[in-house]
Each structure stands twice: as C-alpha cells, then as structure tokens.
Amino acid sequence: WVTGLELLTFTPSGVFEISESLGGSTIQHPSKSAQEKLWRELS
C-alpha cells in the first residue's frame, strides 16, 4: 500500500536461510532492558 507494487512470490524458490550457521545476523538489535524486551514481544 506504500510501494505501489504487488508483492508476489516464486515457490518453490530453491533458496534457504543459513544465518545461524554463519554466526547469526549481522544486524543486531539487543534489548536495553527487560522492559524494552517485553515491549518488543508484545508489540
């Protein structure tokens, strides 16, 4: 509704995600506090 592009998918894709075997994501978003973690899980 923002891009104006219909989002389609090709399946089966032949693509797999292996971020964990590469040491995890390079985009880390650590919680600053238990309260922030709770907010994230609820939101």
Full PDB file with SEQRES, HELIX, SHEET, SSBOND, CRYST1, ORIGX, SCALE, CONECT and MASTER records, all heavy atoms in Angstrom:
SEQRES   1 A   43  TRP VAL THR GLY LEU GLU LEU LEU THR PHE THR PRO SER          
SEQRES   2 A   43  GLY VAL PHE GLU ILE SER GLU SER LEU GLY GLY SER THR          
SEQRES   3 A   43  ILE GLN HIS PRO SER LYS SER ALA GLN GLU LYS LEU TRP          
SEQRES   4 A   43  ARG GLU LEU SER                                              
HELIX    1 AA1 GLU A   20  LEU A   22  5                                   3    
HELIX    2 AA2 ALA A   34  LEU A   42  1                                   9    
CRYST1    1.000    1.000    1.000  90.00  90.00  90.00 P 1           1          
ORIGX1      1.000000  0.000000  0.000000        0.00000                         
ORIGX2      0.000000  1.000000  0.000000        0.00000                         
ORIGX3      0.000000  0.000000  1.000000        0.00000                         
SCALE1      1.000000  0.000000  0.000000        0.00000                         
SCALE2      0.000000  1.000000  0.000000        0.00000                         
SCALE3      0.000000  0.000000  1.000000        0.00000                         
ATOM      1  N   TRP A   1       0.827  -1.214   0.000  1.00  0.00           N  
ATOM      2  CA  TRP A   1       0.000   0.000   0.000  1.00  0.00           C  
ATOM      3  C   TRP A   1       0.856   1.257   0.000  1.00  0.00           C  
ATOM      4  O   TRP A   1       0.365   2.339  -0.282  1.00  0.00           O  
ATOM      5  CB  TRP A   1      -0.953   0.002   1.204  1.00  0.00           C  
ATOM      6  CG  TRP A   1      -0.273  -0.137   2.535  1.00  0.00           C  
ATOM      7  CD1 TRP A   1       0.103   0.859   3.393  1.00  0.00           C  
ATOM      8  CD2 TRP A   1       0.115  -1.364   3.176  1.00  0.00           C  
ATOM      9  NE1 TRP A   1       0.706   0.346   4.517  1.00  0.00           N  
ATOM     10  CE2 TRP A   1       0.719  -1.026   4.409  1.00  0.00           C  
ATOM     11  CE3 TRP A   1       0.014  -2.710   2.825  1.00  0.00           C  
ATOM     12  CZ2 TRP A   1       1.222  -1.988   5.283  1.00  0.00           C  
ATOM     13  CZ3 TRP A   1       0.508  -3.665   3.700  1.00  0.00           C  
ATOM     14  CH2 TRP A   1       1.099  -3.301   4.913  1.00  0.00           C  
ATOM     15  N   VAL A   2       2.154   1.136   0.305  1.00  0.00           N  
ATOM     16  CA  VAL A   2       3.092   2.250   0.229  1.00  0.00           C  
ATOM     17  C   VAL A   2       3.940   2.156  -1.042  1.00  0.00           C  
ATOM     18  O   VAL A   2       4.131   3.143  -1.748  1.00  0.00           O  
ATOM     19  CB  VAL A   2       4.005   2.304   1.472  1.00  0.00           C  
ATOM     20  CG1 VAL A   2       5.069   3.402   1.326  1.00  0.00           C  
ATOM     21  CG2 VAL A   2       3.188   2.540   2.733  1.00  0.00           C  
ATOM     22  N   THR A   3       4.450   0.964  -1.339  1.00  0.00           N  
ATOM     23  CA  THR A   3       5.329   0.808  -2.501  1.00  0.00           C  
ATOM     24  C   THR A   3       4.572   0.916  -3.815  1.00  0.00           C  
ATOM     25  O   THR A   3       5.159   1.278  -4.843  1.00  0.00           O  
ATOM     26  CB  THR A   3       6.043  -0.553  -2.465  1.00  0.00           C  
ATOM     27  OG1 THR A   3       5.074  -1.606  -2.638  1.00  0.00           O  
ATOM     28  CG2 THR A   3       6.783  -0.754  -1.153  1.00  0.00           C  
ATOM     29  N   GLY A   4       3.267   0.576  -3.792  1.00  0.00           N  
ATOM     30  CA  GLY A   4       2.528   0.532  -5.038  1.00  0.00           C  
ATOM     31  C   GLY A   4       2.854  -0.679  -5.885  1.00  0.00           C  
ATOM     32  O   GLY A   4       2.461  -0.746  -7.053  1.00  0.00           O  
ATOM     33  N   LEU A   5       3.566  -1.659  -5.305  1.00  0.00           N  
ATOM     34  CA  LEU A   5       3.968  -2.858  -6.028  1.00  0.00           C  
ATOM     35  C   LEU A   5       3.271  -4.074  -5.427  1.00  0.00           C  
ATOM     36  O   LEU A   5       3.300  -4.272  -4.214  1.00  0.00           O  
ATOM     37  CB  LEU A   5       5.486  -3.059  -5.930  1.00  0.00           C  
ATOM     38  CG  LEU A   5       6.353  -1.948  -6.511  1.00  0.00           C  
ATOM     39  CD1 LEU A   5       7.811  -2.178  -6.136  1.00  0.00           C  
ATOM     40  CD2 LEU A   5       6.191  -1.877  -8.028  1.00  0.00           C  
ATOM     41  N   GLU A   6       2.681  -4.874  -6.276  1.00  0.00           N  
ATOM     42  CA  GLU A   6       2.083  -6.114  -5.798  1.00  0.00           C  
ATOM     43  C   GLU A   6       3.200  -7.072  -5.417  1.00  0.00           C  
ATOM     44  O   GLU A   6       4.093  -7.364  -6.212  1.00  0.00           O  
ATOM     45  CB  GLU A   6       1.205  -6.731  -6.874  1.00  0.00           C  
ATOM     46  CG  GLU A   6       0.458  -7.962  -6.407  1.00  0.00           C  
ATOM     47  CD  GLU A   6      -0.454  -8.536  -7.462  1.00  0.00           C  
ATOM     48  OE1 GLU A   6      -0.323  -8.142  -8.645  1.00  0.00           O  
ATOM     49  OE2 GLU A   6      -1.299  -9.377  -7.095  1.00  0.00           O  
ATOM     50  N   LEU A   7       3.164  -7.568  -4.183  1.00  0.00           N  
ATOM     51  CA  LEU A   7       4.192  -8.463  -3.689  1.00  0.00           C  
ATOM     52  C   LEU A   7       3.808  -9.894  -4.037  1.00  0.00           C  
ATOM     53  O   LEU A   7       2.831 -10.429  -3.530  1.00  0.00           O  
ATOM     54  CB  LEU A   7       4.355  -8.300  -2.173  1.00  0.00           C  
ATOM     55  CG  LEU A   7       5.615  -8.887  -1.537  1.00  0.00           C  
ATOM     56  CD1 LEU A   7       5.834  -8.264  -0.165  1.00  0.00           C  
ATOM     57  CD2 LEU A   7       5.540 -10.398  -1.395  1.00  0.00           C  
ATOM     58  N   LEU A   8       4.599 -10.517  -4.920  1.00  0.00           N  
ATOM     59  CA  LEU A   8       4.363 -11.883  -5.356  1.00  0.00           C  
ATOM     60  C   LEU A   8       5.512 -12.766  -4.879  1.00  0.00           C  
ATOM     61  O   LEU A   8       6.552 -12.270  -4.435  1.00  0.00           O  
ATOM     62  CB  LEU A   8       4.247 -11.928  -6.879  1.00  0.00           C  
ATOM     63  CG  LEU A   8       3.182 -11.011  -7.489  1.00  0.00           C  
ATOM     64  CD1 LEU A   8       3.286 -11.012  -9.009  1.00  0.00           C  
ATOM     65  CD2 LEU A   8       1.791 -11.421  -7.047  1.00  0.00           C  
ATOM     66  N   THR A   9       5.323 -14.066  -4.992  1.00  0.00           N  
ATOM     67  CA  THR A   9       6.399 -14.993  -4.601  1.00  0.00           C  
ATOM     68  C   THR A   9       6.528 -16.090  -5.652  1.00  0.00           C  
ATOM     69  O   THR A   9       5.542 -16.498  -6.282  1.00  0.00           O  
ATOM     70  CB  THR A   9       6.130 -15.643  -3.234  1.00  0.00           C  
ATOM     71  OG1 THR A   9       4.902 -16.383  -3.269  1.00  0.00           O  
ATOM     72  CG2 THR A   9       6.057 -14.605  -2.133  1.00  0.00           C  
ATOM     73  N   PHE A  10       7.774 -16.570  -5.795  1.00  0.00           N  
ATOM     74  CA  PHE A  10       8.039 -17.754  -6.595  1.00  0.00           C  
ATOM     75  C   PHE A  10       8.243 -18.925  -5.639  1.00  0.00           C  
ATOM     76  O   PHE A  10       9.108 -18.866  -4.755  1.00  0.00           O  
ATOM     77  CB  PHE A  10       9.312 -17.587  -7.431  1.00  0.00           C  
ATOM     78  CG  PHE A  10       9.218 -16.545  -8.501  1.00  0.00           C  
ATOM     79  CD1 PHE A  10      10.112 -15.492  -8.542  1.00  0.00           C  
ATOM     80  CD2 PHE A  10       8.244 -16.624  -9.486  1.00  0.00           C  
ATOM     81  CE1 PHE A  10      10.040 -14.524  -9.535  1.00  0.00           C  
ATOM     82  CE2 PHE A  10       8.164 -15.656 -10.488  1.00  0.00           C  
ATOM     83  CZ  PHE A  10       9.063 -14.612 -10.517  1.00  0.00           C  
ATOM     84  N   THR A  11       7.453 -19.985  -5.805  1.00  0.00           N  
ATOM     85  CA  THR A  11       7.628 -21.171  -4.961  1.00  0.00           C  
ATOM     86  C   THR A  11       7.473 -22.430  -5.815  1.00  0.00           C  
ATOM     87  O   THR A  11       6.665 -22.448  -6.733  1.00  0.00           O  
ATOM     88  CB  THR A  11       6.601 -21.201  -3.805  1.00  0.00           C  
ATOM     89  OG1 THR A  11       5.275 -21.127  -4.338  1.00  0.00           O  
ATOM     90  CG2 THR A  11       6.831 -20.069  -2.834  1.00  0.00           C  
ATOM     91  N   PRO A  12       8.268 -23.472  -5.497  1.00  0.00           N  
ATOM     92  CA  PRO A  12       9.368 -23.472  -4.538  1.00  0.00           C  
ATOM     93  C   PRO A  12      10.525 -22.620  -5.054  1.00  0.00           C  
ATOM     94  O   PRO A  12      10.759 -22.544  -6.259  1.00  0.00           O  
ATOM     95  CB  PRO A  12       9.765 -24.946  -4.452  1.00  0.00           C  
ATOM     96  CG  PRO A  12       9.387 -25.508  -5.788  1.00  0.00           C  
ATOM     97  CD  PRO A  12       8.133 -24.772  -6.193  1.00  0.00           C  
ATOM     98  N   SER A  13      11.219 -21.977  -4.155  1.00  0.00           N  
ATOM     99  CA  SER A  13      12.220 -20.990  -4.555  1.00  0.00           C  
ATOM    100  C   SER A  13      13.612 -21.570  -4.800  1.00  0.00           C  
ATOM    101  O   SER A  13      14.372 -21.032  -5.598  1.00  0.00           O  
ATOM    102  CB  SER A  13      12.321 -19.903  -3.482  1.00  0.00           C  
ATOM    103  OG  SER A  13      12.816 -20.447  -2.262  1.00  0.00           O  
ATOM    104  N   GLY A  14      13.960 -22.635  -4.076  1.00  0.00           N  
ATOM    105  CA  GLY A  14      15.334 -23.129  -4.134  1.00  0.00           C  
ATOM    106  C   GLY A  14      16.285 -22.330  -3.274  1.00  0.00           C  
ATOM    107  O   GLY A  14      17.505 -22.461  -3.379  1.00  0.00           O  
ATOM    108  N   VAL A  15      15.733 -21.478  -2.376  1.00  0.00           N  
ATOM    109  CA  VAL A  15      16.528 -20.613  -1.504  1.00  0.00           C  
ATOM    110  C   VAL A  15      16.295 -21.016  -0.046  1.00  0.00           C  
ATOM    111  O   VAL A  15      15.162 -21.274   0.361  1.00  0.00           O  
ATOM    112  CB  VAL A  15      16.142 -19.135  -1.705  1.00  0.00           C  
ATOM    113  CG1 VAL A  15      16.931 -18.225  -0.756  1.00  0.00           C  
ATOM    114  CG2 VAL A  15      16.377 -18.718  -3.148  1.00  0.00           C  
ATOM    115  N   PHE A  16      17.372 -21.047   0.722  1.00  0.00           N  
ATOM    116  CA  PHE A  16      17.310 -21.357   2.148  1.00  0.00           C  
ATOM    117  C   PHE A  16      18.074 -20.292   2.927  1.00  0.00           C  
ATOM    118  O   PHE A  16      19.002 -19.677   2.404  1.00  0.00           O  
ATOM    119  CB  PHE A  16      17.931 -22.727   2.439  1.00  0.00           C  
ATOM    120  CG  PHE A  16      17.261 -23.855   1.711  1.00  0.00           C  
ATOM    121  CD1 PHE A  16      17.619 -24.165   0.400  1.00  0.00           C  
ATOM    122  CD2 PHE A  16      16.264 -24.598   2.310  1.00  0.00           C  
ATOM    123  CE1 PHE A  16      16.997 -25.203  -0.287  1.00  0.00           C  
ATOM    124  CE2 PHE A  16      15.634 -25.628   1.638  1.00  0.00           C  
ATOM    125  CZ  PHE A  16      16.008 -25.929   0.332  1.00  0.00           C  
ATOM    126  N   GLU A  17      17.669 -20.087   4.175  1.00  0.00           N  
ATOM    127  CA  GLU A  17      18.378 -19.147   5.041  1.00  0.00           C  
ATOM    128  C   GLU A  17      19.320 -19.906   5.962  1.00  0.00           C  
ATOM    129  O   GLU A  17      18.929 -20.893   6.589  1.00  0.00           O  
ATOM    130  CB  GLU A  17      17.401 -18.342   5.889  1.00  0.00           C  
ATOM    131  CG  GLU A  17      18.097 -17.328   6.797  1.00  0.00           C  
ATOM    132  CD  GLU A  17      17.140 -16.553   7.673  1.00  0.00           C  
ATOM    133  OE1 GLU A  17      15.910 -16.723   7.502  1.00  0.00           O  
ATOM    134  OE2 GLU A  17      17.607 -15.792   8.523  1.00  0.00           O  
ATOM    135  N   ILE A  18      20.587 -19.443   6.041  1.00  0.00           N  
ATOM    136  CA  ILE A  18      21.570 -20.139   6.872  1.00  0.00           C  
ATOM    137  C   ILE A  18      22.314 -19.161   7.787  1.00  0.00           C  
ATOM    138  O   ILE A  18      23.485 -19.374   8.093  1.00  0.00           O  
ATOM    139  CB  ILE A  18      22.573 -20.932   6.011  1.00  0.00           C  
ATOM    140  CG1 ILE A  18      23.306 -20.014   5.013  1.00  0.00           C  
ATOM    141  CG2 ILE A  18      21.880 -22.068   5.269  1.00  0.00           C  
ATOM    142  CD1 ILE A  18      24.490 -20.685   4.364  1.00  0.00           C  
ATOM    143  N   SER A  19      21.632 -18.101   8.228  1.00  0.00           N  
ATOM    144  CA  SER A  19      22.311 -17.088   9.035  1.00  0.00           C  
ATOM    145  C   SER A  19      22.894 -17.667  10.318  1.00  0.00           C  
ATOM    146  O   SER A  19      23.985 -17.276  10.748  1.00  0.00           O  
ATOM    147  CB  SER A  19      21.370 -15.928   9.357  1.00  0.00           C  
ATOM    148  OG  SER A  19      20.246 -16.380  10.081  1.00  0.00           O  
ATOM    149  N   GLU A  20      22.185 -18.617  10.938  1.00  0.00           N  
ATOM    150  CA  GLU A  20      22.675 -19.169  12.201  1.00  0.00           C  
ATOM    151  C   GLU A  20      23.990 -19.903  12.013  1.00  0.00           C  
ATOM    152  O   GLU A  20      24.894 -19.818  12.850  1.00  0.00           O  
ATOM    153  CB  GLU A  20      21.620 -20.096  12.815  1.00  0.00           C  
ATOM    154  CG  GLU A  20      20.374 -19.374  13.305  1.00  0.00           C  
ATOM    155  CD  GLU A  20      20.694 -18.271  14.304  1.00  0.00           C  
ATOM    156  OE1 GLU A  20      21.532 -18.509  15.202  1.00  0.00           O  
ATOM    157  OE2 GLU A  20      20.134 -17.169  14.172  1.00  0.00           O  
ATOM    158  N   SER A  21      24.123 -20.645  10.919  1.00  0.00           N  
ATOM    159  CA  SER A  21      25.370 -21.379  10.681  1.00  0.00           C  
ATOM    160  C   SER A  21      26.520 -20.457  10.309  1.00  0.00           C  
ATOM    161  O   SER A  21      27.686 -20.864  10.322  1.00  0.00           O  
ATOM    162  CB  SER A  21      25.167 -22.421   9.574  1.00  0.00           C  
ATOM    163  OG  SER A  21      24.914 -21.798   8.334  1.00  0.00           O  
ATOM    164  N   LEU A  22      26.203 -19.199   9.988  1.00  0.00           N  
ATOM    165  CA  LEU A  22      27.240 -18.205   9.668  1.00  0.00           C  
ATOM    166  C   LEU A  22      27.565 -17.319  10.858  1.00  0.00           C  
ATOM    167  O   LEU A  22      28.263 -16.319  10.720  1.00  0.00           O  
ATOM    168  CB  LEU A  22      26.777 -17.336   8.494  1.00  0.00           C  
ATOM    169  CG  LEU A  22      26.560 -18.059   7.166  1.00  0.00           C  
ATOM    170  CD1 LEU A  22      25.926 -17.120   6.144  1.00  0.00           C  
ATOM    171  CD2 LEU A  22      27.869 -18.624   6.630  1.00  0.00           C  
ATOM    172  N   GLY A  23      27.037 -17.675  12.030  1.00  0.00           N  
ATOM    173  CA  GLY A  23      27.320 -16.892  13.238  1.00  0.00           C  
ATOM    174  C   GLY A  23      26.236 -15.929  13.618  1.00  0.00           C  
ATOM    175  O   GLY A  23      26.447 -15.052  14.456  1.00  0.00           O  
ATOM    176  N   GLY A  24      25.040 -16.064  13.013  1.00  0.00           N  
ATOM    177  CA  GLY A  24      23.931 -15.183  13.347  1.00  0.00           C  
ATOM    178  C   GLY A  24      23.878 -13.962  12.457  1.00  0.00           C  
ATOM    179  O   GLY A  24      24.753 -13.719  11.630  1.00  0.00           O  
ATOM    180  N   SER A  25      22.829 -13.184  12.652  1.00  0.00           N  
ATOM    181  CA  SER A  25      22.617 -11.998  11.834  1.00  0.00           C  
ATOM    182  C   SER A  25      23.694 -10.952  12.088  1.00  0.00           C  
ATOM    183  O   SER A  25      24.204 -10.819  13.191  1.00  0.00           O  
ATOM    184  CB  SER A  25      21.241 -11.398  12.150  1.00  0.00           C  
ATOM    185  OG  SER A  25      21.074 -10.157  11.496  1.00  0.00           O  
ATOM    186  N   THR A  26      24.032 -10.209  11.020  1.00  0.00           N  
ATOM    187  CA  THR A  26      24.940  -9.068  11.175  1.00  0.00           C  
ATOM    188  C   THR A  26      24.189  -7.827  11.632  1.00  0.00           C  
ATOM    189  O   THR A  26      24.788  -6.785  11.859  1.00  0.00           O  
ATOM    190  CB  THR A  26      25.663  -8.756   9.850  1.00  0.00           C  
ATOM    191  OG1 THR A  26      24.694  -8.507   8.831  1.00  0.00           O  
ATOM    192  CG2 THR A  26      26.554  -9.915   9.440  1.00  0.00           C  
ATOM    193  N   ILE A  27      22.855  -7.950  11.760  1.00  0.00           N  
ATOM    194  CA  ILE A  27      22.027  -6.832  12.222  1.00  0.00           C  
ATOM    195  C   ILE A  27      21.533  -7.164  13.622  1.00  0.00           C  
ATOM    196  O   ILE A  27      20.556  -7.893  13.790  1.00  0.00           O  
ATOM    197  CB  ILE A  27      20.840  -6.570  11.277  1.00  0.00           C  
ATOM    198  CG1 ILE A  27      21.350  -6.278   9.873  1.00  0.00           C  
ATOM    199  CG2 ILE A  27      20.000  -5.413  11.790  1.00  0.00           C  
ATOM    200  CD1 ILE A  27      20.251  -6.102   8.856  1.00  0.00           C  
ATOM    201  N   GLN A  28      22.218  -6.698  14.613  1.00  0.00           N  
ATOM    202  CA  GLN A  28      21.864  -6.978  15.997  1.00  0.00           C  
ATOM    203  C   GLN A  28      21.014  -5.849  16.558  1.00  0.00           C  
ATOM    204  O   GLN A  28      21.269  -4.678  16.314  1.00  0.00           O  
ATOM    205  CB  GLN A  28      23.133  -7.157  16.850  1.00  0.00           C  
ATOM    206  CG  GLN A  28      24.047  -8.273  16.361  1.00  0.00           C  
ATOM    207  CD  GLN A  28      23.395  -9.634  16.413  1.00  0.00           C  
ATOM    208  OE1 GLN A  28      22.613  -9.923  17.316  1.00  0.00           O  
ATOM    209  NE2 GLN A  28      23.698 -10.480  15.447  1.00  0.00           N  
ATOM    210  N   HIS A  29      20.007  -6.233  17.331  1.00  0.00           N  
ATOM    211  CA  HIS A  29      19.121  -5.239  17.952  1.00  0.00           C  
ATOM    212  C   HIS A  29      18.909  -5.655  19.401  1.00  0.00           C  
ATOM    213  O   HIS A  29      17.830  -6.073  19.794  1.00  0.00           O  
ATOM    214  CB  HIS A  29      17.782  -5.180  17.210  1.00  0.00           C  
ATOM    215  CG  HIS A  29      17.130  -3.829  17.276  1.00  0.00           C  
ATOM    216  ND1 HIS A  29      16.965  -3.129  18.455  1.00  0.00           N  
ATOM    217  CD2 HIS A  29      16.604  -3.046  16.295  1.00  0.00           C  
ATOM    218  CE1 HIS A  29      16.353  -1.981  18.201  1.00  0.00           C  
ATOM    219  NE2 HIS A  29      16.127  -1.914  16.906  1.00  0.00           N  
ATOM    220  N   PRO A  30      19.972  -5.565  20.231  1.00  0.00           N  
ATOM    221  CA  PRO A  30      19.865  -6.072  21.591  1.00  0.00           C  
ATOM    222  C   PRO A  30      18.904  -5.256  22.442  1.00  0.00           C  
ATOM    223  O   PRO A  30      18.741  -4.054  22.247  1.00  0.00           O  
ATOM    224  CB  PRO A  30      21.300  -5.932  22.120  1.00  0.00           C  
ATOM    225  CG  PRO A  30      21.891  -4.816  21.322  1.00  0.00           C  
ATOM    226  CD  PRO A  30      21.266  -4.925  19.953  1.00  0.00           C  
ATOM    227  N   SER A  31      18.251  -5.930  23.387  1.00  0.00           N  
ATOM    228  CA  SER A  31      17.368  -5.231  24.317  1.00  0.00           C  
ATOM    229  C   SER A  31      18.201  -4.422  25.307  1.00  0.00           C  
ATOM    230  O   SER A  31      19.219  -4.880  25.811  1.00  0.00           O  
ATOM    231  CB  SER A  31      16.518  -6.254  25.078  1.00  0.00           C  
ATOM    232  OG  SER A  31      15.677  -6.936  24.196  1.00  0.00           O  
ATOM    233  N   LYS A  32      17.744  -3.213  25.588  1.00  0.00           N  
ATOM    234  CA  LYS A  32      18.433  -2.388  26.569  1.00  0.00           C  
ATOM    235  C   LYS A  32      17.987  -2.712  27.985  1.00  0.00           C  
ATOM    236  O   LYS A  32      18.683  -2.417  28.940  1.00  0.00           O  
ATOM    237  CB  LYS A  32      18.181  -0.908  26.258  1.00  0.00           C  
ATOM    238  CG  LYS A  32      18.786  -0.451  24.929  1.00  0.00           C  
ATOM    239  CD  LYS A  32      18.513   1.023  24.692  1.00  0.00           C  
ATOM    240  CE  LYS A  32      19.107   1.489  23.370  1.00  0.00           C  
ATOM    241  NZ  LYS A  32      18.832   2.922  23.105  1.00  0.00           N  
ATOM    242  N   SER A  33      16.817  -3.300  28.117  1.00  0.00           N  
ATOM    243  CA  SER A  33      16.286  -3.598  29.438  1.00  0.00           C  
ATOM    244  C   SER A  33      15.220  -4.671  29.311  1.00  0.00           C  
ATOM    245  O   SER A  33      14.730  -4.969  28.221  1.00  0.00           O  
ATOM    246  CB  SER A  33      15.675  -2.344  30.068  1.00  0.00           C  
ATOM    247  OG  SER A  33      14.536  -1.934  29.317  1.00  0.00           O  
ATOM    248  N   ALA A  34      14.843  -5.262  30.439  1.00  0.00           N  
ATOM    249  CA  ALA A  34      13.764  -6.242  30.439  1.00  0.00           C  
ATOM    250  C   ALA A  34      12.458  -5.600  29.987  1.00  0.00           C  
ATOM    251  O   ALA A  34      11.641  -6.227  29.313  1.00  0.00           O  
ATOM    252  CB  ALA A  34      13.616  -6.838  31.832  1.00  0.00           C  
ATOM    253  N   GLN A  35      12.274  -4.329  30.338  1.00  0.00           N  
ATOM    254  CA  GLN A  35      11.060  -3.624  29.951  1.00  0.00           C  
ATOM    255  C   GLN A  35      10.989  -3.461  28.431  1.00  0.00           C  
ATOM    256  O   GLN A  35       9.932  -3.663  27.824  1.00  0.00           O  
ATOM    257  CB  GLN A  35      11.003  -2.255  30.631  1.00  0.00           C  
ATOM    258  CG  GLN A  35       9.724  -1.471  30.331  1.00  0.00           C  
ATOM    259  CD  GLN A  35       9.698  -0.130  31.055  1.00  0.00           C  
ATOM    260  OE1 GLN A  35      10.702   0.303  31.623  1.00  0.00           O  
ATOM    261  NE2 GLN A  35       8.551   0.514  31.023  1.00  0.00           N  
ATOM    262  N   GLU A  36      12.118  -3.109  27.811  1.00  0.00           N  
ATOM    263  CA  GLU A  36      12.138  -2.967  26.358  1.00  0.00           C  
ATOM    264  C   GLU A  36      11.895  -4.309  25.689  1.00  0.00           C  
ATOM    265  O   GLU A  36      11.168  -4.390  24.680  1.00  0.00           O  
ATOM    266  CB  GLU A  36      13.468  -2.399  25.892  1.00  0.00           C  
ATOM    267  CG  GLU A  36      13.531  -2.201  24.373  1.00  0.00           C  
ATOM    268  CD  GLU A  36      14.882  -1.712  23.911  1.00  0.00           C  
ATOM    269  OE1 GLU A  36      15.277  -0.627  24.337  1.00  0.00           O  
ATOM    270  OE2 GLU A  36      15.542  -2.427  23.141  1.00  0.00           O  
ATOM    271  N   LYS A  37      12.481  -5.381  26.229  1.00  0.00           N  
ATOM    272  CA  LYS A  37      12.269  -6.704  25.659  1.00  0.00           C  
ATOM    273  C   LYS A  37      10.794  -7.086  25.722  1.00  0.00           C  
ATOM    274  O   LYS A  37      10.233  -7.622  24.766  1.00  0.00           O  
ATOM    275  CB  LYS A  37      13.114  -7.743  26.407  1.00  0.00           C  
ATOM    276  CG  LYS A  37      13.010  -9.137  25.818  1.00  0.00           C  
ATOM    277  CD  LYS A  37      13.934 -10.102  26.536  1.00  0.00           C  
ATOM    278  CE  LYS A  37      13.838 -11.494  25.919  1.00  0.00           C  
ATOM    279  NZ  LYS A  37      14.746 -12.457  26.599  1.00  0.00           N  
ATOM    280  N   LEU A  38      10.146  -6.807  26.847  1.00  0.00           N  
ATOM    281  CA  LEU A  38       8.717  -7.100  26.986  1.00  0.00           C  
ATOM    282  C   LEU A  38       7.901  -6.292  25.986  1.00  0.00           C  
ATOM    283  O   LEU A  38       6.985  -6.813  25.347  1.00  0.00           O  
ATOM    284  CB  LEU A  38       8.262  -6.802  28.416  1.00  0.00           C  
ATOM    285  CG  LEU A  38       6.764  -6.992  28.704  1.00  0.00           C  
ATOM    286  CD1 LEU A  38       6.366  -8.446  28.472  1.00  0.00           C  
ATOM    287  CD2 LEU A  38       6.431  -6.551  30.130  1.00  0.00           C  
ATOM    288  N   TRP A  39       8.232  -5.004  25.846  1.00  0.00           N  
ATOM    289  CA  TRP A  39       7.537  -4.143  24.888  1.00  0.00           C  
ATOM    290  C   TRP A  39       7.655  -4.705  23.474  1.00  0.00           C  
ATOM    291  O   TRP A  39       6.689  -4.759  22.723  1.00  0.00           O  
ATOM    292  CB  TRP A  39       8.109  -2.736  24.953  1.00  0.00           C  
ATOM    293  CG  TRP A  39       7.744  -1.866  23.784  1.00  0.00           C  
ATOM    294  CD1 TRP A  39       8.563  -1.471  22.763  1.00  0.00           C  
ATOM    295  CD2 TRP A  39       6.459  -1.299  23.494  1.00  0.00           C  
ATOM    296  NE1 TRP A  39       7.882  -0.695  21.872  1.00  0.00           N  
ATOM    297  CE2 TRP A  39       6.585  -0.567  22.291  1.00  0.00           C  
ATOM    298  CE3 TRP A  39       5.222  -1.331  24.138  1.00  0.00           C  
ATOM    299  CZ2 TRP A  39       5.531   0.115  21.722  1.00  0.00           C  
ATOM    300  CZ3 TRP A  39       4.163  -0.648  23.560  1.00  0.00           C  
ATOM    301  CH2 TRP A  39       4.322   0.069  22.371  1.00  0.00           C  
ATOM    302  N   ARG A  40       8.844  -5.176  23.120  1.00  0.00           N  
ATOM    303  CA  ARG A  40       9.075  -5.724  21.791  1.00  0.00           C  
ATOM    304  C   ARG A  40       8.241  -6.983  21.565  1.00  0.00           C  
ATOM    305  O   ARG A  40       7.620  -7.148  20.516  1.00  0.00           O  
ATOM    306  CB  ARG A  40      10.563  -6.031  21.633  1.00  0.00           C  
ATOM    307  CG  ARG A  40      11.008  -6.295  20.216  1.00  0.00           C  
ATOM    308  CD  ARG A  40      12.496  -6.512  20.138  1.00  0.00           C  
ATOM    309  NE  ARG A  40      13.239  -5.361  20.625  1.00  0.00           N  
ATOM    310  CZ  ARG A  40      14.556  -5.339  20.761  1.00  0.00           C  
ATOM    311  NH1 ARG A  40      15.262  -6.404  20.481  1.00  0.00           N  
ATOM    312  NH2 ARG A  40      15.165  -4.248  21.187  1.00  0.00           N  
ATOM    313  N   GLU A  41       8.219  -7.859  22.565  1.00  0.00           N  
ATOM    314  CA  GLU A  41       7.474  -9.104  22.427  1.00  0.00           C  
ATOM    315  C   GLU A  41       5.969  -8.857  22.338  1.00  0.00           C  
ATOM    316  O   GLU A  41       5.249  -9.591  21.643  1.00  0.00           O  
ATOM    317  CB  GLU A  41       7.789 -10.032  23.605  1.00  0.00           C  
ATOM    318  CG  GLU A  41       9.219 -10.552  23.617  1.00  0.00           C  
ATOM    319  CD  GLU A  41       9.571 -11.298  22.333  1.00  0.00           C  
ATOM    320  OE1 GLU A  41       8.765 -12.134  21.891  1.00  0.00           O  
ATOM    321  OE2 GLU A  41      10.649 -11.022  21.765  1.00  0.00           O  
ATOM    322  N   LEU A  42       5.482  -7.847  23.047  1.00  0.00           N  
ATOM    323  CA  LEU A  42       4.062  -7.522  22.994  1.00  0.00           C  
ATOM    324  C   LEU A  42       3.692  -6.800  21.691  1.00  0.00           C  
ATOM    325  O   LEU A  42       2.605  -7.006  21.136  1.00  0.00           O  
ATOM    326  CB  LEU A  42       3.672  -6.651  24.181  1.00  0.00           C  
ATOM    327  CG  LEU A  42       3.707  -7.318  25.569  1.00  0.00           C  
ATOM    328  CD1 LEU A  42       3.455  -6.278  26.653  1.00  0.00           C  
ATOM    329  CD2 LEU A  42       2.690  -8.447  25.652  1.00  0.00           C  
ATOM    330  N   SER A  43       4.586  -5.964  21.219  1.00  0.00           N  
ATOM    331  CA  SER A  43       4.289  -5.130  20.050  1.00  0.00           C  
ATOM    332  C   SER A  43       4.375  -5.900  18.747  1.00  0.00           C  
ATOM    333  O   SER A  43       3.616  -5.622  17.803  1.00  0.00           O  
ATOM    334  CB  SER A  43       5.249  -3.943  19.993  1.00  0.00           C  
ATOM    335  OG  SER A  43       5.131  -3.129  21.141  1.00  0.00           O  
TER     336      SER A  43                                                      
MASTER        0    0    0    2    0    0    0    6  335    1    0    4          
END                                                                             
